[in-house]
Amino acid sequence: MQTLYFVCSASATYLLLALAIVFVRLFGYTCAPFFMDMISIIALSGTAKILGALKSKGKMRYSELVDIVGFATTTTRALKAMEEAKLVTKQVVNEPYRPVVYSLTEKGRKAGELVTELEKL
């Protein structure tokens, strides 16, 4: 069991090191709190799906994002965290029923690149 624990710990260490390298290359930041905040947001359920969808389609309505993520509460939680981190912008469209449209900020596009790089690992 100790050997297995050591292997898991080493691979987790290498994964965190790889994440830090990718993060610094994409964002140019070396600030540990910012890194941990970004990782915690990306780790939220639904965030990777939202980033991928917005990256490919540009702007999307809230209802479209719920369809992609699967659950309204999960989508709301992820979007709120992403909005607070300034990864997405929210815009209320001046149409009947006042739909809400989300799009990526520049920081959000970089986070999408980070997720893409992580999926390659």
PDB file of N, CA and C in Angstrom:
ATOM      1  N   MET A   1       0.807  -1.201   0.000  1.00  0.00           N
ATOM      2  CA  MET A   1       0.000   0.000   0.000  1.00  0.00           C
ATOM      3  C   MET A   1       0.852   1.269   0.000  1.00  0.00           C
ATOM      4  N   GLN A   2       1.994   1.262   0.662  1.00  0.00           N
ATOM      5  CA  GLN A   2       2.838   2.448   0.671  1.00  0.00           C
ATOM      6  C   GLN A   2       3.349   2.770  -0.729  1.00  0.00           C
ATOM      7  N   THR A   3       3.674   1.751  -1.500  1.00  0.00           N
ATOM      8  CA  THR A   3       4.157   1.971  -2.862  1.00  0.00           C
ATOM      9  C   THR A   3       3.064   2.613  -3.709  1.00  0.00           C
ATOM     10  N   LEU A   4       1.853   2.106  -3.597  1.00  0.00           N
ATOM     11  CA  LEU A   4       0.730   2.661  -4.342  1.00  0.00           C
ATOM     12  C   LEU A   4       0.497   4.117  -3.949  1.00  0.00           C
ATOM     13  N   TYR A   5       0.581   4.394  -2.659  1.00  0.00           N
ATOM     14  CA  TYR A   5       0.401   5.759  -2.185  1.00  0.00           C
ATOM     15  C   TYR A   5       1.483   6.668  -2.758  1.00  0.00           C
ATOM     16  N   PHE A   6       2.709   6.194  -2.791  1.00  0.00           N
ATOM     17  CA  PHE A   6       3.808   6.981  -3.327  1.00  0.00           C
ATOM     18  C   PHE A   6       3.606   7.259  -4.816  1.00  0.00           C
ATOM     19  N   VAL A   7       3.162   6.249  -5.572  1.00  0.00           N
ATOM     20  CA  VAL A   7       2.931   6.430  -7.006  1.00  0.00           C
ATOM     21  C   VAL A   7       1.827   7.448  -7.234  1.00  0.00           C
ATOM     22  N   CYS A   8       0.742   7.348  -6.467  1.00  0.00           N
ATOM     23  CA  CYS A   8      -0.355   8.303  -6.617  1.00  0.00           C
ATOM     24  C   CYS A   8       0.103   9.714  -6.263  1.00  0.00           C
ATOM     25  N   SER A   9       0.886   9.826  -5.186  1.00  0.00           N
ATOM     26  CA  SER A   9       1.363  11.139  -4.779  1.00  0.00           C
ATOM     27  C   SER A   9       2.290  11.736  -5.827  1.00  0.00           C
ATOM     28  N   ALA A  10       3.168  10.916  -6.395  1.00  0.00           N
ATOM     29  CA  ALA A  10       4.102  11.406  -7.404  1.00  0.00           C
ATOM     30  C   ALA A  10       3.342  11.848  -8.658  1.00  0.00           C
ATOM     31  N   SER A  11       2.367  11.056  -9.098  1.00  0.00           N
ATOM     32  CA  SER A  11       1.630  11.440 -10.293  1.00  0.00           C
ATOM     33  C   SER A  11       0.795  12.694 -10.039  1.00  0.00           C
ATOM     34  N   ALA A  12       0.253  12.835  -8.838  1.00  0.00           N
ATOM     35  CA  ALA A  12      -0.498  14.047  -8.506  1.00  0.00           C
ATOM     36  C   ALA A  12       0.424  15.262  -8.490  1.00  0.00           C
ATOM     37  N   THR A  13       1.632  15.073  -7.990  1.00  0.00           N
ATOM     38  CA  THR A  13       2.614  16.159  -7.975  1.00  0.00           C
ATOM     39  C   THR A  13       2.974  16.572  -9.387  1.00  0.00           C
ATOM     40  N   TYR A  14       3.210  15.585 -10.249  1.00  0.00           N
ATOM     41  CA  TYR A  14       3.538  15.896 -11.642  1.00  0.00           C
ATOM     42  C   TYR A  14       2.367  16.577 -12.350  1.00  0.00           C
ATOM     43  N   LEU A  15       1.153  16.161 -12.039  1.00  0.00           N
ATOM     44  CA  LEU A  15      -0.021  16.787 -12.638  1.00  0.00           C
ATOM     45  C   LEU A  15      -0.121  18.248 -12.210  1.00  0.00           C
ATOM     46  N   LEU A  16       0.076  18.523 -10.928  1.00  0.00           N
ATOM     47  CA  LEU A  16       0.031  19.904 -10.450  1.00  0.00           C
ATOM     48  C   LEU A  16       1.145  20.736 -11.064  1.00  0.00           C
ATOM     49  N   LEU A  17       2.324  20.140 -11.224  1.00  0.00           N
ATOM     50  CA  LEU A  17       3.431  20.845 -11.857  1.00  0.00           C
ATOM     51  C   LEU A  17       3.096  21.160 -13.313  1.00  0.00           C
ATOM     52  N   ALA A  18       2.519  20.188 -14.019  1.00  0.00           N
ATOM     53  CA  ALA A  18       2.121  20.410 -15.412  1.00  0.00           C
ATOM     54  C   ALA A  18       1.049  21.495 -15.492  1.00  0.00           C
ATOM     55  N   LEU A  19       0.097  21.464 -14.570  1.00  0.00           N
ATOM     56  CA  LEU A  19      -0.939  22.502 -14.531  1.00  0.00           C
ATOM     57  C   LEU A  19      -0.323  23.878 -14.322  1.00  0.00           C
ATOM     58  N   ALA A  20       0.627  23.961 -13.410  1.00  0.00           N
ATOM     59  CA  ALA A  20       1.261  25.247 -13.132  1.00  0.00           C
ATOM     60  C   ALA A  20       2.008  25.765 -14.355  1.00  0.00           C
ATOM     61  N   ILE A  21       2.703  24.881 -15.065  1.00  0.00           N
ATOM     62  CA  ILE A  21       3.439  25.290 -16.259  1.00  0.00           C
ATOM     63  C   ILE A  21       2.490  25.780 -17.337  1.00  0.00           C
ATOM     64  N   VAL A  22       1.432  25.019 -17.595  1.00  0.00           N
ATOM     65  CA  VAL A  22       0.445  25.430 -18.602  1.00  0.00           C
ATOM     66  C   VAL A  22      -0.192  26.747 -18.202  1.00  0.00           C
ATOM     67  N   PHE A  23      -0.520  26.876 -16.942  1.00  0.00           N
ATOM     68  CA  PHE A  23      -1.165  28.083 -16.443  1.00  0.00           C
ATOM     69  C   PHE A  23      -0.272  29.301 -16.629  1.00  0.00           C
ATOM     70  N   VAL A  24       0.995  29.179 -16.269  1.00  0.00           N
ATOM     71  CA  VAL A  24       1.920  30.305 -16.394  1.00  0.00           C
ATOM     72  C   VAL A  24       2.135  30.660 -17.860  1.00  0.00           C
ATOM     73  N   ARG A  25       2.213  29.650 -18.736  1.00  0.00           N
ATOM     74  CA  ARG A  25       2.385  29.925 -20.166  1.00  0.00           C
ATOM     75  C   ARG A  25       1.182  30.657 -20.748  1.00  0.00           C
ATOM     76  N   LEU A  26      -0.017  30.264 -20.338  1.00  0.00           N
ATOM     77  CA  LEU A  26      -1.219  30.880 -20.891  1.00  0.00           C
ATOM     78  C   LEU A  26      -1.515  32.246 -20.299  1.00  0.00           C
ATOM     79  N   PHE A  27      -1.366  32.370 -18.980  1.00  0.00           N
ATOM     80  CA  PHE A  27      -1.777  33.600 -18.307  1.00  0.00           C
ATOM     81  C   PHE A  27      -0.626  34.524 -17.965  1.00  0.00           C
ATOM     82  N   GLY A  28       0.576  33.986 -17.895  1.00  0.00           N
ATOM     83  CA  GLY A  28       1.716  34.808 -17.541  1.00  0.00           C
ATOM     84  C   GLY A  28       1.753  35.197 -16.072  1.00  0.00           C
ATOM     85  N   TYR A  29       0.975  34.533 -15.251  1.00  0.00           N
ATOM     86  CA  TYR A  29       0.946  34.834 -13.826  1.00  0.00           C
ATOM     87  C   TYR A  29       1.739  33.787 -13.060  1.00  0.00           C
ATOM     88  N   THR A  30       2.350  34.210 -11.994  1.00  0.00           N
ATOM     89  CA  THR A  30       3.023  33.268 -11.112  1.00  0.00           C
ATOM     90  C   THR A  30       2.436  33.335  -9.712  1.00  0.00           C
ATOM     91  N   CYS A  31       1.322  34.010  -9.586  1.00  0.00           N
ATOM     92  CA  CYS A  31       0.678  34.213  -8.287  1.00  0.00           C
ATOM     93  C   CYS A  31      -0.069  32.951  -7.866  1.00  0.00           C
ATOM     94  N   ALA A  32       0.355  32.326  -6.785  1.00  0.00           N
ATOM     95  CA  ALA A  32      -0.242  31.073  -6.318  1.00  0.00           C
ATOM     96  C   ALA A  32      -1.731  31.202  -5.974  1.00  0.00           C
ATOM     97  N   PRO A  33      -2.184  32.248  -5.268  1.00  0.00           N
ATOM     98  CA  PRO A  33      -3.624  32.322  -4.969  1.00  0.00           C
ATOM     99  C   PRO A  33      -4.476  32.401  -6.236  1.00  0.00           C
ATOM    100  N   PHE A  34      -4.022  33.165  -7.228  1.00  0.00           N
ATOM    101  CA  PHE A  34      -4.764  33.261  -8.479  1.00  0.00           C
ATOM    102  C   PHE A  34      -4.828  31.906  -9.162  1.00  0.00           C
ATOM    103  N   PHE A  35      -3.721  31.188  -9.150  1.00  0.00           N
ATOM    104  CA  PHE A  35      -3.660  29.848  -9.740  1.00  0.00           C
ATOM    105  C   PHE A  35      -4.661  28.920  -9.061  1.00  0.00           C
ATOM    106  N   MET A  36      -4.687  28.930  -7.751  1.00  0.00           N
ATOM    107  CA  MET A  36      -5.587  28.040  -7.013  1.00  0.00           C
ATOM    108  C   MET A  36      -7.044  28.429  -7.230  1.00  0.00           C
ATOM    109  N   ASP A  37      -7.334  29.722  -7.294  1.00  0.00           N
ATOM    110  CA  ASP A  37      -8.702  30.158  -7.577  1.00  0.00           C
ATOM    111  C   ASP A  37      -9.155  29.670  -8.941  1.00  0.00           C
ATOM    112  N   MET A  38      -8.290  29.811  -9.946  1.00  0.00           N
ATOM    113  CA  MET A  38      -8.634  29.393 -11.297  1.00  0.00           C
ATOM    114  C   MET A  38      -8.844  27.883 -11.362  1.00  0.00           C
ATOM    115  N   ILE A  39      -7.985  27.121 -10.718  1.00  0.00           N
ATOM    116  CA  ILE A  39      -8.127  25.663 -10.711  1.00  0.00           C
ATOM    117  C   ILE A  39      -9.420  25.261 -10.017  1.00  0.00           C
ATOM    118  N   SER A  40      -9.767  25.931  -8.916  1.00  0.00           N
ATOM    119  CA  SER A  40     -11.008  25.578  -8.206  1.00  0.00           C
ATOM    120  C   SER A  40     -12.241  25.898  -9.056  1.00  0.00           C
ATOM    121  N   ILE A  41     -12.184  26.961  -9.857  1.00  0.00           N
ATOM    122  CA  ILE A  41     -13.308  27.287 -10.740  1.00  0.00           C
ATOM    123  C   ILE A  41     -13.403  26.270 -11.861  1.00  0.00           C
ATOM    124  N   ILE A  42     -12.266  25.933 -12.468  1.00  0.00           N
ATOM    125  CA  ILE A  42     -12.263  24.971 -13.567  1.00  0.00           C
ATOM    126  C   ILE A  42     -12.705  23.596 -13.086  1.00  0.00           C
ATOM    127  N   ALA A  43     -12.423  23.292 -11.823  1.00  0.00           N
ATOM    128  CA  ALA A  43     -12.803  21.993 -11.270  1.00  0.00           C
ATOM    129  C   ALA A  43     -14.301  21.897 -10.968  1.00  0.00           C
ATOM    130  N   LEU A  44     -15.007  23.013 -10.920  1.00  0.00           N
ATOM    131  CA  LEU A  44     -16.449  22.974 -10.666  1.00  0.00           C
ATOM    132  C   LEU A  44     -17.157  22.172 -11.754  1.00  0.00           C
ATOM    133  N   SER A  45     -18.139  21.435 -11.350  1.00  0.00           N
ATOM    134  CA  SER A  45     -18.917  20.652 -12.304  1.00  0.00           C
ATOM    135  C   SER A  45     -19.595  21.572 -13.310  1.00  0.00           C
ATOM    136  N   GLY A  46     -19.447  21.260 -14.580  1.00  0.00           N
ATOM    137  CA  GLY A  46     -20.089  22.021 -15.635  1.00  0.00           C
ATOM    138  C   GLY A  46     -19.227  23.105 -16.251  1.00  0.00           C
ATOM    139  N   THR A  47     -18.179  23.541 -15.560  1.00  0.00           N
ATOM    140  CA  THR A  47     -17.358  24.645 -16.051  1.00  0.00           C
ATOM    141  C   THR A  47     -16.662  24.305 -17.358  1.00  0.00           C
ATOM    142  N   ALA A  48     -16.070  23.129 -17.435  1.00  0.00           N
ATOM    143  CA  ALA A  48     -15.350  22.740 -18.659  1.00  0.00           C
ATOM    144  C   ALA A  48     -16.302  22.673 -19.851  1.00  0.00           C
ATOM    145  N   LYS A  49     -17.498  22.158 -19.627  1.00  0.00           N
ATOM    146  CA  LYS A  49     -18.486  22.082 -20.712  1.00  0.00           C
ATOM    147  C   LYS A  49     -18.906  23.480 -21.167  1.00  0.00           C
ATOM    148  N   ILE A  50     -19.104  24.367 -20.215  1.00  0.00           N
ATOM    149  CA  ILE A  50     -19.501  25.739 -20.543  1.00  0.00           C
ATOM    150  C   ILE A  50     -18.384  26.441 -21.307  1.00  0.00           C
ATOM    151  N   LEU A  51     -17.152  26.314 -20.823  1.00  0.00           N
ATOM    152  CA  LEU A  51     -16.022  26.938 -21.511  1.00  0.00           C
ATOM    153  C   LEU A  51     -15.897  26.429 -22.944  1.00  0.00           C
ATOM    154  N   GLY A  52     -16.022  25.120 -23.111  1.00  0.00           N
ATOM    155  CA  GLY A  52     -15.921  24.537 -24.448  1.00  0.00           C
ATOM    156  C   GLY A  52     -17.025  25.008 -25.381  1.00  0.00           C
ATOM    157  N   ALA A  53     -18.242  25.068 -24.857  1.00  0.00           N
ATOM    158  CA  ALA A  53     -19.377  25.492 -25.675  1.00  0.00           C
ATOM    159  C   ALA A  53     -19.261  26.956 -26.074  1.00  0.00           C
ATOM    160  N   LEU A  54     -18.911  27.810 -25.115  1.00  0.00           N
ATOM    161  CA  LEU A  54     -18.783  29.231 -25.423  1.00  0.00           C
ATOM    162  C   LEU A  54     -17.583  29.501 -26.335  1.00  0.00           C
ATOM    163  N   LYS A  55     -16.550  28.699 -26.173  1.00  0.00           N
ATOM    164  CA  LYS A  55     -15.368  28.851 -27.027  1.00  0.00           C
ATOM    165  C   LYS A  55     -15.711  28.538 -28.486  1.00  0.00           C
ATOM    166  N   SER A  56     -16.537  27.526 -28.691  1.00  0.00           N
ATOM    167  CA  SER A  56     -16.861  27.127 -30.063  1.00  0.00           C
ATOM    168  C   SER A  56     -17.996  27.955 -30.674  1.00  0.00           C
ATOM    169  N   LYS A  57     -18.959  28.390 -29.859  1.00  0.00           N
ATOM    170  CA  LYS A  57     -20.122  29.085 -30.415  1.00  0.00           C
ATOM    171  C   LYS A  57     -20.139  30.589 -30.194  1.00  0.00           C
ATOM    172  N   GLY A  58     -19.289  31.102 -29.334  1.00  0.00           N
ATOM    173  CA  GLY A  58     -19.286  32.549 -29.074  1.00  0.00           C
ATOM    174  C   GLY A  58     -20.262  32.928 -27.976  1.00  0.00           C
ATOM    175  N   LYS A  59     -21.472  33.332 -28.351  1.00  0.00           N
ATOM    176  CA  LYS A  59     -22.498  33.702 -27.375  1.00  0.00           C
ATOM    177  C   LYS A  59     -23.546  32.605 -27.304  1.00  0.00           C
ATOM    178  N   MET A  60     -24.022  32.352 -26.086  1.00  0.00           N
ATOM    179  CA  MET A  60     -25.071  31.344 -25.895  1.00  0.00           C
ATOM    180  C   MET A  60     -26.040  31.805 -24.824  1.00  0.00           C
ATOM    181  N   ARG A  61     -27.300  31.423 -25.011  1.00  0.00           N
ATOM    182  CA  ARG A  61     -28.326  31.704 -24.009  1.00  0.00           C
ATOM    183  C   ARG A  61     -28.166  30.749 -22.825  1.00  0.00           C
ATOM    184  N   TYR A  62     -28.663  31.219 -21.693  1.00  0.00           N
ATOM    185  CA  TYR A  62     -28.610  30.409 -20.472  1.00  0.00           C
ATOM    186  C   TYR A  62     -29.262  29.051 -20.695  1.00  0.00           C
ATOM    187  N   SER A  63     -30.412  29.019 -21.351  1.00  0.00           N
ATOM    188  CA  SER A  63     -31.137  27.761 -21.564  1.00  0.00           C
ATOM    189  C   SER A  63     -30.322  26.781 -22.410  1.00  0.00           C
ATOM    190  N   GLU A  64     -29.554  27.293 -23.368  1.00  0.00           N
ATOM    191  CA  GLU A  64     -28.692  26.430 -24.184  1.00  0.00           C
ATOM    192  C   GLU A  64     -27.575  25.832 -23.342  1.00  0.00           C
ATOM    193  N   LEU A  65     -27.037  26.636 -22.434  1.00  0.00           N
ATOM    194  CA  LEU A  65     -25.982  26.136 -21.546  1.00  0.00           C
ATOM    195  C   LEU A  65     -26.517  25.089 -20.576  1.00  0.00           C
ATOM    196  N   VAL A  66     -27.737  25.290 -20.098  1.00  0.00           N
ATOM    197  CA  VAL A  66     -28.362  24.286 -19.215  1.00  0.00           C
ATOM    198  C   VAL A  66     -28.512  22.971 -19.959  1.00  0.00           C
ATOM    199  N   ASP A  67     -28.910  23.024 -21.218  1.00  0.00           N
ATOM    200  CA  ASP A  67     -29.044  21.804 -22.021  1.00  0.00           C
ATOM    201  C   ASP A  67     -27.700  21.076 -22.156  1.00  0.00           C
ATOM    202  N   ILE A  68     -26.618  21.821 -22.275  1.00  0.00           N
ATOM    203  CA  ILE A  68     -25.293  21.216 -22.416  1.00  0.00           C
ATOM    204  C   ILE A  68     -24.813  20.618 -21.100  1.00  0.00           C
ATOM    205  N   VAL A  69     -24.986  21.361 -20.007  1.00  0.00           N
ATOM    206  CA  VAL A  69     -24.510  20.897 -18.697  1.00  0.00           C
ATOM    207  C   VAL A  69     -25.420  19.809 -18.137  1.00  0.00           C
ATOM    208  N   GLY A  70     -26.717  19.973 -18.296  1.00  0.00           N
ATOM    209  CA  GLY A  70     -27.652  18.962 -17.837  1.00  0.00           C
ATOM    210  C   GLY A  70     -28.507  19.352 -16.656  1.00  0.00           C
ATOM    211  N   PHE A  71     -28.027  20.257 -15.805  1.00  0.00           N
ATOM    212  CA  PHE A  71     -28.770  20.655 -14.616  1.00  0.00           C
ATOM    213  C   PHE A  71     -28.708  22.169 -14.451  1.00  0.00           C
ATOM    214  N   ALA A  72     -29.840  22.778 -14.151  1.00  0.00           N
ATOM    215  CA  ALA A  72     -29.898  24.234 -14.000  1.00  0.00           C
ATOM    216  C   ALA A  72     -29.067  24.717 -12.812  1.00  0.00           C
ATOM    217  N   THR A  73     -29.129  24.006 -11.682  1.00  0.00           N
ATOM    218  CA  THR A  73     -28.382  24.455 -10.503  1.00  0.00           C
ATOM    219  C   THR A  73     -26.872  24.371 -10.736  1.00  0.00           C
ATOM    220  N   THR A  74     -26.425  23.322 -11.398  1.00  0.00           N
ATOM    221  CA  THR A  74     -25.004  23.172 -11.708  1.00  0.00           C
ATOM    222  C   THR A  74     -24.555  24.281 -12.655  1.00  0.00           C
ATOM    223  N   THR A  75     -25.379  24.569 -13.657  1.00  0.00           N
ATOM    224  CA  THR A  75     -25.066  25.621 -14.622  1.00  0.00           C
ATOM    225  C   THR A  75     -25.007  26.975 -13.937  1.00  0.00           C
ATOM    226  N   THR A  76     -25.983  27.264 -13.093  1.00  0.00           N
ATOM    227  CA  THR A  76     -26.030  28.537 -12.381  1.00  0.00           C
ATOM    228  C   THR A  76     -24.813  28.704 -11.483  1.00  0.00           C
ATOM    229  N   ARG A  77     -24.468  27.665 -10.740  1.00  0.00           N
ATOM    230  CA  ARG A  77     -23.320  27.716  -9.829  1.00  0.00           C
ATOM    231  C   ARG A  77     -22.029  27.972 -10.611  1.00  0.00           C
ATOM    232  N   ALA A  78     -21.844  27.255 -11.714  1.00  0.00           N
ATOM    233  CA  ALA A  78     -20.628  27.418 -12.523  1.00  0.00           C
ATOM    234  C   ALA A  78     -20.573  28.811 -13.148  1.00  0.00           C
ATOM    235  N   LEU A  79     -21.690  29.264 -13.709  1.00  0.00           N
ATOM    236  CA  LEU A  79     -21.709  30.584 -14.346  1.00  0.00           C
ATOM    237  C   LEU A  79     -21.465  31.706 -13.336  1.00  0.00           C
ATOM    238  N   LYS A  80     -22.008  31.553 -12.138  1.00  0.00           N
ATOM    239  CA  LYS A  80     -21.802  32.574 -11.105  1.00  0.00           C
ATOM    240  C   LYS A  80     -20.323  32.662 -10.731  1.00  0.00           C
ATOM    241  N   ALA A  81     -19.685  31.515 -10.544  1.00  0.00           N
ATOM    242  CA  ALA A  81     -18.255  31.504 -10.213  1.00  0.00           C
ATOM    243  C   ALA A  81     -17.422  32.054 -11.367  1.00  0.00           C
ATOM    244  N   MET A  82     -17.803  31.705 -12.578  1.00  0.00           N
ATOM    245  CA  MET A  82     -17.072  32.176 -13.755  1.00  0.00           C
ATOM    246  C   MET A  82     -17.264  33.682 -13.950  1.00  0.00           C
ATOM    247  N   GLU A  83     -18.446  34.179 -13.644  1.00  0.00           N
ATOM    248  CA  GLU A  83     -18.715  35.604 -13.763  1.00  0.00           C
ATOM    249  C   GLU A  83     -17.928  36.394 -12.715  1.00  0.00           C
ATOM    250  N   GLU A  84     -17.867  35.872 -11.485  1.00  0.00           N
ATOM    251  CA  GLU A  84     -17.111  36.533 -10.425  1.00  0.00           C
ATOM    252  C   GLU A  84     -15.614  36.564 -10.743  1.00  0.00           C
ATOM    253  N   ALA A  85     -15.132  35.515 -11.435  1.00  0.00           N
ATOM    254  CA  ALA A  85     -13.722  35.459 -11.827  1.00  0.00           C
ATOM    255  C   ALA A  85     -13.462  36.192 -13.136  1.00  0.00           C
ATOM    256  N   LYS A  86     -14.496  36.798 -13.681  1.00  0.00           N
ATOM    257  CA  LYS A  86     -14.426  37.552 -14.933  1.00  0.00           C
ATOM    258  C   LYS A  86     -13.991  36.690 -16.125  1.00  0.00           C
ATOM    259  N   LEU A  87     -14.495  35.443 -16.141  1.00  0.00           N
ATOM    260  CA  LEU A  87     -14.259  34.554 -17.277  1.00  0.00           C
ATOM    261  C   LEU A  87     -15.359  34.686 -18.313  1.00  0.00           C
ATOM    262  N   VAL A  88     -16.560  35.073 -17.858  1.00  0.00           N
ATOM    263  CA  VAL A  88     -17.697  35.255 -18.766  1.00  0.00           C
ATOM    264  C   VAL A  88     -18.364  36.597 -18.486  1.00  0.00           C
ATOM    265  N   THR A  89     -19.049  37.089 -19.500  1.00  0.00           N
ATOM    266  CA  THR A  89     -19.877  38.277 -19.318  1.00  0.00           C
ATOM    267  C   THR A  89     -21.324  37.876 -19.555  1.00  0.00           C
ATOM    268  N   LYS A  90     -22.195  38.529 -18.832  1.00  0.00           N
ATOM    269  CA  LYS A  90     -23.627  38.251 -18.928  1.00  0.00           C
ATOM    270  C   LYS A  90     -24.301  39.481 -19.524  1.00  0.00           C
ATOM    271  N   GLN A  91     -25.171  39.229 -20.492  1.00  0.00           N
ATOM    272  CA  GLN A  91     -25.876  40.327 -21.144  1.00  0.00           C
ATOM    273  C   GLN A  91     -27.349  39.964 -21.249  1.00  0.00           C
ATOM    274  N   VAL A  92     -28.208  40.870 -20.818  1.00  0.00           N
ATOM    275  CA  VAL A  92     -29.647  40.675 -20.950  1.00  0.00           C
ATOM    276  C   VAL A  92     -30.060  41.240 -22.304  1.00  0.00           C
ATOM    277  N   VAL A  93     -30.637  40.391 -23.138  1.00  0.00           N
ATOM    278  CA  VAL A  93     -31.023  40.780 -24.490  1.00  0.00           C
ATOM    279  C   VAL A  93     -32.381  41.477 -24.444  1.00  0.00           C
ATOM    280  N   ASN A  94     -32.528  42.514 -25.232  1.00  0.00           N
ATOM    281  CA  ASN A  94     -33.770  43.290 -25.258  1.00  0.00           C
ATOM    282  C   ASN A  94     -34.750  42.629 -26.237  1.00  0.00           C
ATOM    283  N   GLU A  95     -35.245  41.469 -25.852  1.00  0.00           N
ATOM    284  CA  GLU A  95     -36.229  40.705 -26.622  1.00  0.00           C
ATOM    285  C   GLU A  95     -37.330  40.274 -25.672  1.00  0.00           C
ATOM    286  N   PRO A  96     -38.427  39.758 -26.213  1.00  0.00           N
ATOM    287  CA  PRO A  96     -39.458  39.230 -25.317  1.00  0.00           C
ATOM    288  C   PRO A  96     -38.866  38.175 -24.375  1.00  0.00           C
ATOM    289  N   TYR A  97     -39.297  38.153 -23.171  1.00  0.00           N
ATOM    290  CA  TYR A  97     -38.855  37.253 -22.098  1.00  0.00           C
ATOM    291  C   TYR A  97     -37.445  37.560 -21.612  1.00  0.00           C
ATOM    292  N   ARG A  98     -36.810  38.603 -22.142  1.00  0.00           N
ATOM    293  CA  ARG A  98     -35.499  39.086 -21.712  1.00  0.00           C
ATOM    294  C   ARG A  98     -34.488  37.958 -21.458  1.00  0.00           C
ATOM    295  N   PRO A  99     -34.129  37.219 -22.500  1.00  0.00           N
ATOM    296  CA  PRO A  99     -33.165  36.125 -22.309  1.00  0.00           C
ATOM    297  C   PRO A  99     -31.778  36.652 -21.933  1.00  0.00           C
ATOM    298  N   VAL A 100     -31.036  35.830 -21.220  1.00  0.00           N
ATOM    299  CA  VAL A 100     -29.677  36.162 -20.800  1.00  0.00           C
ATOM    300  C   VAL A 100     -28.713  35.420 -21.713  1.00  0.00           C
ATOM    301  N   VAL A 101     -27.711  36.154 -22.219  1.00  0.00           N
ATOM    302  CA  VAL A 101     -26.716  35.588 -23.113  1.00  0.00           C
ATOM    303  C   VAL A 101     -25.349  35.704 -22.447  1.00  0.00           C
ATOM    304  N   TYR A 102     -24.568  34.637 -22.523  1.00  0.00           N
ATOM    305  CA  TYR A 102     -23.221  34.617 -21.951  1.00  0.00           C
ATOM    306  C   TYR A 102     -22.190  34.523 -23.057  1.00  0.00           C
ATOM    307  N   SER A 103     -21.042  35.158 -22.836  1.00  0.00           N
ATOM    308  CA  SER A 103     -19.918  35.052 -23.753  1.00  0.00           C
ATOM    309  C   SER A 103     -18.623  35.080 -22.942  1.00  0.00           C
ATOM    310  N   LEU A 104     -17.548  34.585 -23.548  1.00  0.00           N
ATOM    311  CA  LEU A 104     -16.255  34.543 -22.873  1.00  0.00           C
ATOM    312  C   LEU A 104     -15.554  35.891 -22.941  1.00  0.00           C
ATOM    313  N   THR A 105     -14.866  36.234 -21.875  1.00  0.00           N
ATOM    314  CA  THR A 105     -13.960  37.376 -21.884  1.00  0.00           C
ATOM    315  C   THR A 105     -12.614  36.877 -22.412  1.00  0.00           C
ATOM    316  N   GLU A 106     -11.659  37.757 -22.530  1.00  0.00           N
ATOM    317  CA  GLU A 106     -10.313  37.341 -22.953  1.00  0.00           C
ATOM    318  C   GLU A 106      -9.737  36.346 -21.937  1.00  0.00           C
ATOM    319  N   LYS A 107      -9.944  36.635 -20.681  1.00  0.00           N
ATOM    320  CA  LYS A 107      -9.487  35.741 -19.617  1.00  0.00           C
ATOM    321  C   LYS A 107     -10.188  34.387 -19.730  1.00  0.00           C
ATOM    322  N   GLY A 108     -11.467  34.396 -20.080  1.00  0.00           N
ATOM    323  CA  GLY A 108     -12.236  33.165 -20.251  1.00  0.00           C
ATOM    324  C   GLY A 108     -11.737  32.347 -21.432  1.00  0.00           C
ATOM    325  N   ARG A 109     -11.337  33.025 -22.514  1.00  0.00           N
ATOM    326  CA  ARG A 109     -10.775  32.310 -23.662  1.00  0.00           C
ATOM    327  C   ARG A 109      -9.473  31.615 -23.272  1.00  0.00           C
ATOM    328  N   LYS A 110      -8.669  32.291 -22.453  1.00  0.00           N
ATOM    329  CA  LYS A 110      -7.419  31.678 -21.982  1.00  0.00           C
ATOM    330  C   LYS A 110      -7.716  30.495 -21.064  1.00  0.00           C
ATOM    331  N   ALA A 111      -8.752  30.616 -20.241  1.00  0.00           N
ATOM    332  CA  ALA A 111      -9.141  29.491 -19.382  1.00  0.00           C
ATOM    333  C   ALA A 111      -9.619  28.318 -20.229  1.00  0.00           C
ATOM    334  N   GLY A 112     -10.314  28.617 -21.324  1.00  0.00           N
ATOM    335  CA  GLY A 112     -10.729  27.568 -22.259  1.00  0.00           C
ATOM    336  C   GLY A 112      -9.532  26.863 -22.869  1.00  0.00           C
ATOM    337  N   GLU A 113      -8.484  27.631 -23.183  1.00  0.00           N
ATOM    338  CA  GLU A 113      -7.251  27.036 -23.687  1.00  0.00           C
ATOM    339  C   GLU A 113      -6.610  26.150 -22.623  1.00  0.00           C
ATOM    340  N   LEU A 114      -6.671  26.597 -21.374  1.00  0.00           N
ATOM    341  CA  LEU A 114      -6.129  25.808 -20.261  1.00  0.00           C
ATOM    342  C   LEU A 114      -6.858  24.469 -20.159  1.00  0.00           C
ATOM    343  N   VAL A 115      -8.172  24.496 -20.245  1.00  0.00           N
ATOM    344  CA  VAL A 115      -8.949  23.259 -20.181  1.00  0.00           C
ATOM    345  C   VAL A 115      -8.592  22.338 -21.345  1.00  0.00           C
ATOM    346  N   THR A 116      -8.430  22.917 -22.543  1.00  0.00           N
ATOM    347  CA  THR A 116      -8.048  22.134 -23.707  1.00  0.00           C
ATOM    348  C   THR A 116      -6.694  21.477 -23.497  1.00  0.00           C
ATOM    349  N   GLU A 117      -5.743  22.211 -22.927  1.00  0.00           N
ATOM    350  CA  GLU A 117      -4.419  21.659 -22.654  1.00  0.00           C
ATOM    351  C   GLU A 117      -4.498  20.552 -21.596  1.00  0.00           C
ATOM    352  N   LEU A 118      -5.337  20.746 -20.601  1.00  0.00           N
ATOM    353  CA  LEU A 118      -5.477  19.739 -19.540  1.00  0.00           C
ATOM    354  C   LEU A 118      -6.085  18.457 -20.089  1.00  0.00           C
ATOM    355  N   GLU A 119      -7.008  18.589 -21.026  1.00  0.00           N
ATOM    356  CA  GLU A 119      -7.634  17.398 -21.602  1.00  0.00           C
ATOM    357  C   GLU A 119      -6.642  16.588 -22.421  1.00  0.00           C
ATOM    358  N   LYS A 120      -5.565  17.228 -22.903  1.00  0.00           N
ATOM    359  CA  LYS A 120      -4.543  16.525 -23.662  1.00  0.00           C
ATOM    360  C   LYS A 120      -3.637  15.685 -22.770  1.00  0.00           C
ATOM    361  N   LEU A 121      -3.569  16.006 -21.456  1.00  0.00           N
ATOM    362  CA  LEU A 121      -2.674  15.277 -20.534  1.00  0.00           C
ATOM    363  C   LEU A 121      -3.130  13.858 -20.297  1.00  0.00           C
TER     364      LEU A 121
END
